Amino acid sequence: MAPQSEDILNEGNASFDENIRIKSGKILAEPNPGEEVVISGLSGKYPESRNVYEFRDNLFNKVDMVTDDNRRWNPTHPEIPQRTGKLYDIDKFDSSFFGLIE
């Protein structure tokens, strides 16, 4: 029988925060030899979060990261949603990389 995801996290051969466990009960597929995958990092920009750890904490604490403040656009404009997810340090976003007009 394949190990449960929670068993894999508890084997001690990987470093995981003890408070973060997969509780779905789904069985993880076992890769063929030589086809193993390692996720060694994660990065991104997330609403109302300065880093991936703050984003994780916001998710786990059920923080609503979609806000109705007007720090970016005029929320009374009919084509702008009243609530949006906004990034901190937007001035550091490379819009030209994504082909966006500032």
PDB file of N, CA and C in Angstrom:
ATOM      1  N   MET A   1       0.847  -1.183   0.000  1.00  0.00           N
ATOM      2  CA  MET A   1       0.000   0.000   0.000  1.00  0.00           C
ATOM      3  C   MET A   1       0.893   1.246   0.000  1.00  0.00           C
ATOM      4  N   ALA A   2       0.539   2.208  -0.820  1.00  0.00           N
ATOM      5  CA  ALA A   2       1.313   3.460  -0.893  1.00  0.00           C
ATOM      6  C   ALA A   2       1.140   4.247   0.399  1.00  0.00           C
ATOM      7  N   PRO A   3       2.165   4.967   0.818  1.00  0.00           N
ATOM      8  CA  PRO A   3       2.068   5.748   2.057  1.00  0.00           C
ATOM      9  C   PRO A   3       1.093   6.910   1.909  1.00  0.00           C
ATOM     10  N   GLN A   4       0.463   7.256   3.009  1.00  0.00           N
ATOM     11  CA  GLN A   4      -0.404   8.432   3.034  1.00  0.00           C
ATOM     12  C   GLN A   4       0.463   9.681   3.025  1.00  0.00           C
ATOM     13  N   SER A   5      -0.069  10.767   2.510  1.00  0.00           N
ATOM     14  CA  SER A   5       0.706  12.004   2.412  1.00  0.00           C
ATOM     15  C   SER A   5       1.203  12.462   3.776  1.00  0.00           C
ATOM     16  N   GLU A   6       0.399  12.271   4.805  1.00  0.00           N
ATOM     17  CA  GLU A   6       0.809  12.700   6.142  1.00  0.00           C
ATOM     18  C   GLU A   6       1.999  11.874   6.638  1.00  0.00           C
ATOM     19  N   ASP A   7       2.034  10.577   6.263  1.00  0.00           N
ATOM     20  CA  ASP A   7       3.156   9.728   6.646  1.00  0.00           C
ATOM     21  C   ASP A   7       4.442  10.214   6.001  1.00  0.00           C
ATOM     22  N   ILE A   8       4.366  10.635   4.748  1.00  0.00           N
ATOM     23  CA  ILE A   8       5.555  11.118   4.045  1.00  0.00           C
ATOM     24  C   ILE A   8       6.119  12.346   4.743  1.00  0.00           C
ATOM     25  N   LEU A   9       5.236  13.244   5.175  1.00  0.00           N
ATOM     26  CA  LEU A   9       5.703  14.452   5.846  1.00  0.00           C
ATOM     27  C   LEU A   9       6.346  14.149   7.188  1.00  0.00           C
ATOM     28  N   ASN A  10       5.941  13.052   7.804  1.00  0.00           N
ATOM     29  CA  ASN A  10       6.450  12.735   9.130  1.00  0.00           C
ATOM     30  C   ASN A  10       7.683  11.834   9.109  1.00  0.00           C
ATOM     31  N   GLU A  11       8.167  11.441   7.932  1.00  0.00           N
ATOM     32  CA  GLU A  11       9.329  10.560   7.866  1.00  0.00           C
ATOM     33  C   GLU A  11      10.597  11.215   8.375  1.00  0.00           C
ATOM     34  N   GLY A  12      10.654  12.540   8.377  1.00  0.00           N
ATOM     35  CA  GLY A  12      11.826  13.222   8.890  1.00  0.00           C
ATOM     36  C   GLY A  12      12.921  13.442   7.866  1.00  0.00           C
ATOM     37  N   ASN A  13      12.718  12.998   6.628  1.00  0.00           N
ATOM     38  CA  ASN A  13      13.758  13.197   5.625  1.00  0.00           C
ATOM     39  C   ASN A  13      13.569  14.498   4.857  1.00  0.00           C
ATOM     40  N   ALA A  14      12.600  15.289   5.230  1.00  0.00           N
ATOM     41  CA  ALA A  14      12.387  16.614   4.632  1.00  0.00           C
ATOM     42  C   ALA A  14      12.040  17.563   5.760  1.00  0.00           C
ATOM     43  N   SER A  15      12.361  18.829   5.577  1.00  0.00           N
ATOM     44  CA  SER A  15      12.068  19.784   6.644  1.00  0.00           C
ATOM     45  C   SER A  15      10.747  20.485   6.355  1.00  0.00           C
ATOM     46  N   PHE A  16       9.760  20.216   7.164  1.00  0.00           N
ATOM     47  CA  PHE A  16       8.448  20.829   7.061  1.00  0.00           C
ATOM     48  C   PHE A  16       8.077  21.415   8.408  1.00  0.00           C
ATOM     49  N   ASP A  17       7.372  22.513   8.377  1.00  0.00           N
ATOM     50  CA  ASP A  17       6.839  23.091   9.602  1.00  0.00           C
ATOM     51  C   ASP A  17       5.844  22.082  10.179  1.00  0.00           C
ATOM     52  N   GLU A  18       5.998  21.724  11.437  1.00  0.00           N
ATOM     53  CA  GLU A  18       5.130  20.720  12.038  1.00  0.00           C
ATOM     54  C   GLU A  18       3.660  21.124  12.033  1.00  0.00           C
ATOM     55  N   ASN A  19       3.373  22.411  11.938  1.00  0.00           N
ATOM     56  CA  ASN A  19       1.989  22.868  11.929  1.00  0.00           C
ATOM     57  C   ASN A  19       1.353  22.775  10.553  1.00  0.00           C
ATOM     58  N   ILE A  20       2.125  22.461   9.532  1.00  0.00           N
ATOM     59  CA  ILE A  20       1.609  22.385   8.173  1.00  0.00           C
ATOM     60  C   ILE A  20       1.631  20.930   7.737  1.00  0.00           C
ATOM     61  N   ARG A  21       0.473  20.339   7.598  1.00  0.00           N
ATOM     62  CA  ARG A  21       0.386  18.943   7.197  1.00  0.00           C
ATOM     63  C   ARG A  21      -0.673  18.795   6.112  1.00  0.00           C
ATOM     64  N   ILE A  22      -0.445  17.867   5.226  1.00  0.00           N
ATOM     65  CA  ILE A  22      -1.448  17.564   4.211  1.00  0.00           C
ATOM     66  C   ILE A  22      -2.481  16.673   4.873  1.00  0.00           C
ATOM     67  N   LYS A  23      -3.717  17.123   4.909  1.00  0.00           N
ATOM     68  CA  LYS A  23      -4.758  16.367   5.590  1.00  0.00           C
ATOM     69  C   LYS A  23      -5.831  15.874   4.623  1.00  0.00           C
ATOM     70  N   SER A  24      -5.560  15.914   3.330  1.00  0.00           N
ATOM     71  CA  SER A  24      -6.561  15.508   2.355  1.00  0.00           C
ATOM     72  C   SER A  24      -6.803  14.008   2.383  1.00  0.00           C
ATOM     73  N   GLY A  25      -5.826  13.251   2.884  1.00  0.00           N
ATOM     74  CA  GLY A  25      -5.965  11.807   2.899  1.00  0.00           C
ATOM     75  C   GLY A  25      -5.675  11.170   1.554  1.00  0.00           C
ATOM     76  N   LYS A  26      -5.317  11.973   0.565  1.00  0.00           N
ATOM     77  CA  LYS A  26      -5.032  11.430  -0.758  1.00  0.00           C
ATOM     78  C   LYS A  26      -3.701  10.693  -0.736  1.00  0.00           C
ATOM     79  N   ILE A  27      -3.604   9.680  -1.550  1.00  0.00           N
ATOM     80  CA  ILE A  27      -2.372   8.909  -1.656  1.00  0.00           C
ATOM     81  C   ILE A  27      -1.485   9.568  -2.701  1.00  0.00           C
ATOM     82  N   LEU A  28      -0.245   9.776  -2.350  1.00  0.00           N
ATOM     83  CA  LEU A  28       0.707  10.349  -3.290  1.00  0.00           C
ATOM     84  C   LEU A  28       1.278   9.242  -4.164  1.00  0.00           C
ATOM     85  N   ALA A  29       1.353   9.498  -5.461  1.00  0.00           N
ATOM     86  CA  ALA A  29       1.922   8.514  -6.375  1.00  0.00           C
ATOM     87  C   ALA A  29       3.419   8.402  -6.130  1.00  0.00           C
ATOM     88  N   GLU A  30       3.922   7.211  -6.277  1.00  0.00           N
ATOM     89  CA  GLU A  30       5.354   7.015  -6.116  1.00  0.00           C
ATOM     90  C   GLU A  30       6.015   7.088  -7.491  1.00  0.00           C
ATOM     91  N   PRO A  31       7.001   7.988  -7.673  1.00  0.00           N
ATOM     92  CA  PRO A  31       7.630   8.136  -8.996  1.00  0.00           C
ATOM     93  C   PRO A  31       8.523   6.945  -9.324  1.00  0.00           C
ATOM     94  N   ASN A  32       8.713   6.733 -10.605  1.00  0.00           N
ATOM     95  CA  ASN A  32       9.664   5.717 -11.052  1.00  0.00           C
ATOM     96  C   ASN A  32      11.074   6.186 -10.706  1.00  0.00           C
ATOM     97  N   PRO A  33      12.010   5.270 -10.485  1.00  0.00           N
ATOM     98  CA  PRO A  33      13.392   5.675 -10.193  1.00  0.00           C
ATOM     99  C   PRO A  33      13.931   6.599 -11.286  1.00  0.00           C
ATOM    100  N   GLY A  34      14.556   7.683 -10.860  1.00  0.00           N
ATOM    101  CA  GLY A  34      15.102   8.658 -11.792  1.00  0.00           C
ATOM    102  C   GLY A  34      14.115   9.734 -12.200  1.00  0.00           C
ATOM    103  N   GLU A  35      12.848   9.611 -11.792  1.00  0.00           N
ATOM    104  CA  GLU A  35      11.828  10.601 -12.146  1.00  0.00           C
ATOM    105  C   GLU A  35      11.359  11.404 -10.935  1.00  0.00           C
ATOM    106  N   GLU A  36      12.127  11.358  -9.859  1.00  0.00           N
ATOM    107  CA  GLU A  36      11.754  12.086  -8.662  1.00  0.00           C
ATOM    108  C   GLU A  36      11.818  13.589  -8.925  1.00  0.00           C
ATOM    109  N   VAL A  37      10.956  14.328  -8.249  1.00  0.00           N
ATOM    110  CA  VAL A  37      10.908  15.783  -8.390  1.00  0.00           C
ATOM    111  C   VAL A  37      11.088  16.399  -7.014  1.00  0.00           C
ATOM    112  N   VAL A  38      11.884  17.455  -6.956  1.00  0.00           N
ATOM    113  CA  VAL A  38      12.084  18.181  -5.712  1.00  0.00           C
ATOM    114  C   VAL A  38      11.641  19.618  -5.917  1.00  0.00           C
ATOM    115  N   ILE A  39      10.756  20.091  -5.061  1.00  0.00           N
ATOM    116  CA  ILE A  39      10.388  21.504  -5.062  1.00  0.00           C
ATOM    117  C   ILE A  39      11.280  22.149  -4.019  1.00  0.00           C
ATOM    118  N   SER A  40      12.247  22.910  -4.484  1.00  0.00           N
ATOM    119  CA  SER A  40      13.244  23.442  -3.559  1.00  0.00           C
ATOM    120  C   SER A  40      13.019  24.900  -3.212  1.00  0.00           C
ATOM    121  N   GLY A  41      12.015  25.505  -3.795  1.00  0.00           N
ATOM    122  CA  GLY A  41      11.758  26.903  -3.485  1.00  0.00           C
ATOM    123  C   GLY A  41      10.470  27.379  -4.120  1.00  0.00           C
ATOM    124  N   LEU A  42      10.054  28.535  -3.705  1.00  0.00           N
ATOM    125  CA  LEU A  42       8.828  29.118  -4.205  1.00  0.00           C
ATOM    126  C   LEU A  42       8.968  30.616  -4.093  1.00  0.00           C
ATOM    127  N   SER A  43       8.519  31.313  -5.097  1.00  0.00           N
ATOM    128  CA  SER A  43       8.517  32.765  -5.002  1.00  0.00           C
ATOM    129  C   SER A  43       7.279  33.283  -5.700  1.00  0.00           C
ATOM    130  N   GLY A  44       6.978  34.504  -5.484  1.00  0.00           N
ATOM    131  CA  GLY A  44       5.827  35.104  -6.132  1.00  0.00           C
ATOM    132  C   GLY A  44       5.451  36.406  -5.470  1.00  0.00           C
ATOM    133  N   LYS A  45       4.494  37.048  -6.057  1.00  0.00           N
ATOM    134  CA  LYS A  45       3.903  38.261  -5.503  1.00  0.00           C
ATOM    135  C   LYS A  45       2.454  37.927  -5.192  1.00  0.00           C
ATOM    136  N   TYR A  46       2.042  38.214  -3.988  1.00  0.00           N
ATOM    137  CA  TYR A  46       0.705  37.846  -3.544  1.00  0.00           C
ATOM    138  C   TYR A  46       0.024  39.050  -2.909  1.00  0.00           C
ATOM    139  N   PRO A  47      -1.300  39.160  -3.042  1.00  0.00           N
ATOM    140  CA  PRO A  47      -1.998  40.324  -2.495  1.00  0.00           C
ATOM    141  C   PRO A  47      -1.866  40.417  -0.975  1.00  0.00           C
ATOM    142  N   GLU A  48      -1.671  41.636  -0.509  1.00  0.00           N
ATOM    143  CA  GLU A  48      -1.597  41.937   0.926  1.00  0.00           C
ATOM    144  C   GLU A  48      -0.531  41.119   1.648  1.00  0.00           C
ATOM    145  N   SER A  49       0.509  40.701   0.937  1.00  0.00           N
ATOM    146  CA  SER A  49       1.563  39.874   1.520  1.00  0.00           C
ATOM    147  C   SER A  49       2.915  40.341   1.001  1.00  0.00           C
ATOM    148  N   ARG A  50       3.857  40.505   1.900  1.00  0.00           N
ATOM    149  CA  ARG A  50       5.194  40.956   1.505  1.00  0.00           C
ATOM    150  C   ARG A  50       6.083  39.807   1.028  1.00  0.00           C
ATOM    151  N   ASN A  51       5.707  38.569   1.369  1.00  0.00           N
ATOM    152  CA  ASN A  51       6.484  37.405   0.948  1.00  0.00           C
ATOM    153  C   ASN A  51       5.596  36.168   1.022  1.00  0.00           C
ATOM    154  N   VAL A  52       6.129  35.041   0.604  1.00  0.00           N
ATOM    155  CA  VAL A  52       5.340  33.815   0.559  1.00  0.00           C
ATOM    156  C   VAL A  52       4.940  33.350   1.962  1.00  0.00           C
ATOM    157  N   TYR A  53       5.757  33.648   2.973  1.00  0.00           N
ATOM    158  CA  TYR A  53       5.429  33.247   4.343  1.00  0.00           C
ATOM    159  C   TYR A  53       4.246  34.048   4.875  1.00  0.00           C
ATOM    160  N   GLU A  54       4.228  35.340   4.589  1.00  0.00           N
ATOM    161  CA  GLU A  54       3.098  36.167   5.007  1.00  0.00           C
ATOM    162  C   GLU A  54       1.835  35.737   4.257  1.00  0.00           C
ATOM    163  N   PHE A  55       1.978  35.395   2.975  1.00  0.00           N
ATOM    164  CA  PHE A  55       0.847  34.897   2.198  1.00  0.00           C
ATOM    165  C   PHE A  55       0.304  33.611   2.821  1.00  0.00           C
ATOM    166  N   ARG A  56       1.198  32.685   3.183  1.00  0.00           N
ATOM    167  CA  ARG A  56       0.783  31.439   3.829  1.00  0.00           C
ATOM    168  C   ARG A  56       0.037  31.728   5.128  1.00  0.00           C
ATOM    169  N   ASP A  57       0.605  32.617   5.945  1.00  0.00           N
ATOM    170  CA  ASP A  57      -0.047  32.961   7.205  1.00  0.00           C
ATOM    171  C   ASP A  57      -1.416  33.583   6.963  1.00  0.00           C
ATOM    172  N   ASN A  58      -1.505  34.452   5.968  1.00  0.00           N
ATOM    173  CA  ASN A  58      -2.796  35.063   5.642  1.00  0.00           C
ATOM    174  C   ASN A  58      -3.812  34.003   5.233  1.00  0.00           C
ATOM    175  N   LEU A  59      -3.393  33.045   4.406  1.00  0.00           N
ATOM    176  CA  LEU A  59      -4.301  31.976   3.995  1.00  0.00           C
ATOM    177  C   LEU A  59      -4.748  31.145   5.189  1.00  0.00           C
ATOM    178  N   PHE A  60      -3.793  30.712   6.009  1.00  0.00           N
ATOM    179  CA  PHE A  60      -4.120  29.853   7.143  1.00  0.00           C
ATOM    180  C   PHE A  60      -4.968  30.572   8.184  1.00  0.00           C
ATOM    181  N   ASN A  61      -4.821  31.893   8.276  1.00  0.00           N
ATOM    182  CA  ASN A  61      -5.607  32.677   9.232  1.00  0.00           C
ATOM    183  C   ASN A  61      -6.862  33.270   8.610  1.00  0.00           C
ATOM    184  N   LYS A  62      -7.172  32.840   7.396  1.00  0.00           N
ATOM    185  CA  LYS A  62      -8.388  33.248   6.686  1.00  0.00           C
ATOM    186  C   LYS A  62      -8.500  34.762   6.545  1.00  0.00           C
ATOM    187  N   VAL A  63      -7.363  35.416   6.268  1.00  0.00           N
ATOM    188  CA  VAL A  63      -7.345  36.860   6.039  1.00  0.00           C
ATOM    189  C   VAL A  63      -7.884  37.131   4.647  1.00  0.00           C
ATOM    190  N   ASP A  64      -8.826  38.058   4.537  1.00  0.00           N
ATOM    191  CA  ASP A  64      -9.369  38.455   3.237  1.00  0.00           C
ATOM    192  C   ASP A  64      -8.354  39.379   2.576  1.00  0.00           C
ATOM    193  N   MET A  65      -7.694  38.895   1.545  1.00  0.00           N
ATOM    194  CA  MET A  65      -6.647  39.674   0.881  1.00  0.00           C
ATOM    195  C   MET A  65      -7.183  40.458  -0.314  1.00  0.00           C
ATOM    196  N   VAL A  66      -8.473  40.430  -0.511  1.00  0.00           N
ATOM    197  CA  VAL A  66      -9.125  41.242  -1.540  1.00  0.00           C
ATOM    198  C   VAL A  66      -9.798  42.390  -0.803  1.00  0.00           C
ATOM    199  N   THR A  67      -9.372  43.614  -1.102  1.00  0.00           N
ATOM    200  CA  THR A  67      -9.822  44.769  -0.328  1.00  0.00           C
ATOM    201  C   THR A  67     -10.578  45.764  -1.191  1.00  0.00           C
ATOM    202  N   ASP A  68     -11.265  46.673  -0.519  1.00  0.00           N
ATOM    203  CA  ASP A  68     -12.009  47.715  -1.237  1.00  0.00           C
ATOM    204  C   ASP A  68     -11.395  49.098  -1.018  1.00  0.00           C
ATOM    205  N   ASP A  69     -10.117  49.150  -0.631  1.00  0.00           N
ATOM    206  CA  ASP A  69      -9.478  50.457  -0.474  1.00  0.00           C
ATOM    207  C   ASP A  69      -9.122  51.019  -1.854  1.00  0.00           C
ATOM    208  N   ASN A  70      -8.831  52.311  -1.902  1.00  0.00           N
ATOM    209  CA  ASN A  70      -8.585  52.953  -3.197  1.00  0.00           C
ATOM    210  C   ASN A  70      -7.123  53.375  -3.359  1.00  0.00           C
ATOM    211  N   ARG A  71      -6.208  52.580  -2.843  1.00  0.00           N
ATOM    212  CA  ARG A  71      -4.793  52.963  -2.946  1.00  0.00           C
ATOM    213  C   ARG A  71      -4.239  52.785  -4.352  1.00  0.00           C
ATOM    214  N   ARG A  72      -4.963  52.174  -5.254  1.00  0.00           N
ATOM    215  CA  ARG A  72      -4.449  51.980  -6.595  1.00  0.00           C
ATOM    216  C   ARG A  72      -5.306  52.649  -7.659  1.00  0.00           C
ATOM    217  N   TRP A  73      -6.614  52.494  -7.571  1.00  0.00           N
ATOM    218  CA  TRP A  73      -7.520  53.042  -8.583  1.00  0.00           C
ATOM    219  C   TRP A  73      -8.686  53.731  -7.905  1.00  0.00           C
ATOM    220  N   ASN A  74      -9.401  54.505  -8.699  1.00  0.00           N
ATOM    221  CA  ASN A  74     -10.624  55.144  -8.223  1.00  0.00           C
ATOM    222  C   ASN A  74     -11.724  54.082  -8.200  1.00  0.00           C
ATOM    223  N   PRO A  75     -12.163  53.666  -7.022  1.00  0.00           N
ATOM    224  CA  PRO A  75     -13.139  52.569  -6.956  1.00  0.00           C
ATOM    225  C   PRO A  75     -14.536  52.950  -7.434  1.00  0.00           C
ATOM    226  N   THR A  76     -14.763  54.213  -7.728  1.00  0.00           N
ATOM    227  CA  THR A  76     -16.091  54.600  -8.212  1.00  0.00           C
ATOM    228  C   THR A  76     -16.196  54.499  -9.730  1.00  0.00           C
ATOM    229  N   HIS A  77     -15.090  54.231 -10.402  1.00  0.00           N
ATOM    230  CA  HIS A  77     -15.118  54.079 -11.861  1.00  0.00           C
ATOM    231  C   HIS A  77     -15.937  52.826 -12.198  1.00  0.00           C
ATOM    232  N   PRO A  78     -16.871  52.912 -13.156  1.00  0.00           N
ATOM    233  CA  PRO A  78     -17.767  51.785 -13.429  1.00  0.00           C
ATOM    234  C   PRO A  78     -17.072  50.529 -13.974  1.00  0.00           C
ATOM    235  N   GLU A  79     -15.875  50.660 -14.527  1.00  0.00           N
ATOM    236  CA  GLU A  79     -15.203  49.493 -15.096  1.00  0.00           C
ATOM    237  C   GLU A  79     -14.171  48.875 -14.151  1.00  0.00           C
ATOM    238  N   ILE A  80     -14.026  49.434 -12.975  1.00  0.00           N
ATOM    239  CA  ILE A  80     -13.079  48.905 -11.989  1.00  0.00           C
ATOM    240  C   ILE A  80     -13.865  48.167 -10.909  1.00  0.00           C
ATOM    241  N   PRO A  81     -13.507  46.910 -10.619  1.00  0.00           N
ATOM    242  CA  PRO A  81     -14.187  46.186  -9.539  1.00  0.00           C
ATOM    243  C   PRO A  81     -14.026  46.933  -8.215  1.00  0.00           C
ATOM    244  N   GLN A  82     -15.029  46.850  -7.375  1.00  0.00           N
ATOM    245  CA  GLN A  82     -14.973  47.517  -6.075  1.00  0.00           C
ATOM    246  C   GLN A  82     -13.907  46.895  -5.178  1.00  0.00           C
ATOM    247  N   ARG A  83     -13.700  45.598  -5.295  1.00  0.00           N
ATOM    248  CA  ARG A  83     -12.730  44.892  -4.450  1.00  0.00           C
ATOM    249  C   ARG A  83     -11.677  44.248  -5.343  1.00  0.00           C
ATOM    250  N   THR A  84     -10.409  44.446  -4.994  1.00  0.00           N
ATOM    251  CA  THR A  84      -9.307  43.878  -5.772  1.00  0.00           C
ATOM    252  C   THR A  84      -8.197  43.397  -4.843  1.00  0.00           C
ATOM    253  N   GLY A  85      -7.382  42.489  -5.344  1.00  0.00           N
ATOM    254  CA  GLY A  85      -6.182  42.060  -4.631  1.00  0.00           C
ATOM    255  C   GLY A  85      -5.023  42.926  -5.095  1.00  0.00           C
ATOM    256  N   LYS A  86      -4.368  43.588  -4.163  1.00  0.00           N
ATOM    257  CA  LYS A  86      -3.304  44.532  -4.521  1.00  0.00           C
ATOM    258  C   LYS A  86      -1.964  44.064  -3.963  1.00  0.00           C
ATOM    259  N   LEU A  87      -0.923  44.328  -4.736  1.00  0.00           N
ATOM    260  CA  LEU A  87       0.432  43.960  -4.338  1.00  0.00           C
ATOM    261  C   LEU A  87       1.117  45.118  -3.646  1.00  0.00           C
ATOM    262  N   TYR A  88       1.947  44.789  -2.665  1.00  0.00           N
ATOM    263  CA  TYR A  88       2.837  45.789  -2.089  1.00  0.00           C
ATOM    264  C   TYR A  88       3.979  46.018  -3.079  1.00  0.00           C
ATOM    265  N   ASP A  89       4.638  47.145  -2.987  1.00  0.00           N
ATOM    266  CA  ASP A  89       5.803  47.461  -3.827  1.00  0.00           C
ATOM    267  C   ASP A  89       5.502  47.312  -5.311  1.00  0.00           C
ATOM    268  N   ILE A  90       4.340  47.780  -5.728  1.00  0.00           N
ATOM    269  CA  ILE A  90       3.951  47.652  -7.132  1.00  0.00           C
ATOM    270  C   ILE A  90       4.926  48.374  -8.052  1.00  0.00           C
ATOM    271  N   ASP A  91       5.612  49.382  -7.530  1.00  0.00           N
ATOM    272  CA  ASP A  91       6.577  50.117  -8.353  1.00  0.00           C
ATOM    273  C   ASP A  91       7.757  49.240  -8.782  1.00  0.00           C
ATOM    274  N   LYS A  92       7.942  48.098  -8.120  1.00  0.00           N
ATOM    275  CA  LYS A  92       9.020  47.178  -8.486  1.00  0.00           C
ATOM    276  C   LYS A  92       8.565  46.120  -9.496  1.00  0.00           C
ATOM    277  N   PHE A  93       7.284  46.144  -9.864  1.00  0.00           N
ATOM    278  CA  PHE A  93       6.741  45.185 -10.830  1.00  0.00           C
ATOM    279  C   PHE A  93       7.203  45.553 -12.235  1.00  0.00           C
ATOM    280  N   ASP A  94       7.750  44.596 -12.963  1.00  0.00           N
ATOM    281  CA  ASP A  94       8.259  44.831 -14.316  1.00  0.00           C
ATOM    282  C   ASP A  94       7.138  44.585 -15.324  1.00  0.00           C
ATOM    283  N   SER A  95       6.304  45.601 -15.534  1.00  0.00           N
ATOM    284  CA  SER A  95       5.157  45.448 -16.430  1.00  0.00           C
ATOM    285  C   SER A  95       5.586  45.195 -17.871  1.00  0.00           C
ATOM    286  N   SER A  96       6.721  45.746 -18.291  1.00  0.00           N
ATOM    287  CA  SER A  96       7.166  45.544 -19.671  1.00  0.00           C
ATOM    288  C   SER A  96       7.515  44.077 -19.941  1.00  0.00           C
ATOM    289  N   PHE A  97       7.976  43.361 -18.924  1.00  0.00           N
ATOM    290  CA  PHE A  97       8.283  41.942 -19.084  1.00  0.00           C
ATOM    291  C   PHE A  97       7.035  41.169 -19.498  1.00  0.00           C
ATOM    292  N   PHE A  98       5.885  41.577 -18.978  1.00  0.00           N
ATOM    293  CA  PHE A  98       4.626  40.910 -19.282  1.00  0.00           C
ATOM    294  C   PHE A  98       3.868  41.580 -20.428  1.00  0.00           C
ATOM    295  N   GLY A  99       4.483  42.582 -21.047  1.00  0.00           N
ATOM    296  CA  GLY A  99       3.850  43.270 -22.171  1.00  0.00           C
ATOM    297  C   GLY A  99       2.694  44.154 -21.760  1.00  0.00           C
ATOM    298  N   LEU A 100       2.734  44.664 -20.537  1.00  0.00           N
ATOM    299  CA  LEU A 100       1.663  45.521 -20.029  1.00  0.00           C
ATOM    300  C   LEU A 100       2.064  46.983 -20.125  1.00  0.00           C
ATOM    301  N   ILE A 101       1.085  47.829 -20.333  1.00  0.00           N
ATOM    302  CA  ILE A 101       1.321  49.271 -20.380  1.00  0.00           C
ATOM    303  C   ILE A 101       1.082  49.832 -18.994  1.00  0.00           C
ATOM    304  N   GLU A 102       2.005  50.652 -18.533  1.00  0.00           N
ATOM    305  CA  GLU A 102       1.851  51.244 -17.195  1.00  0.00           C
ATOM    306  C   GLU A 102       0.829  52.345 -17.206  1.00  0.00           C
TER     307      GLU A 102
END
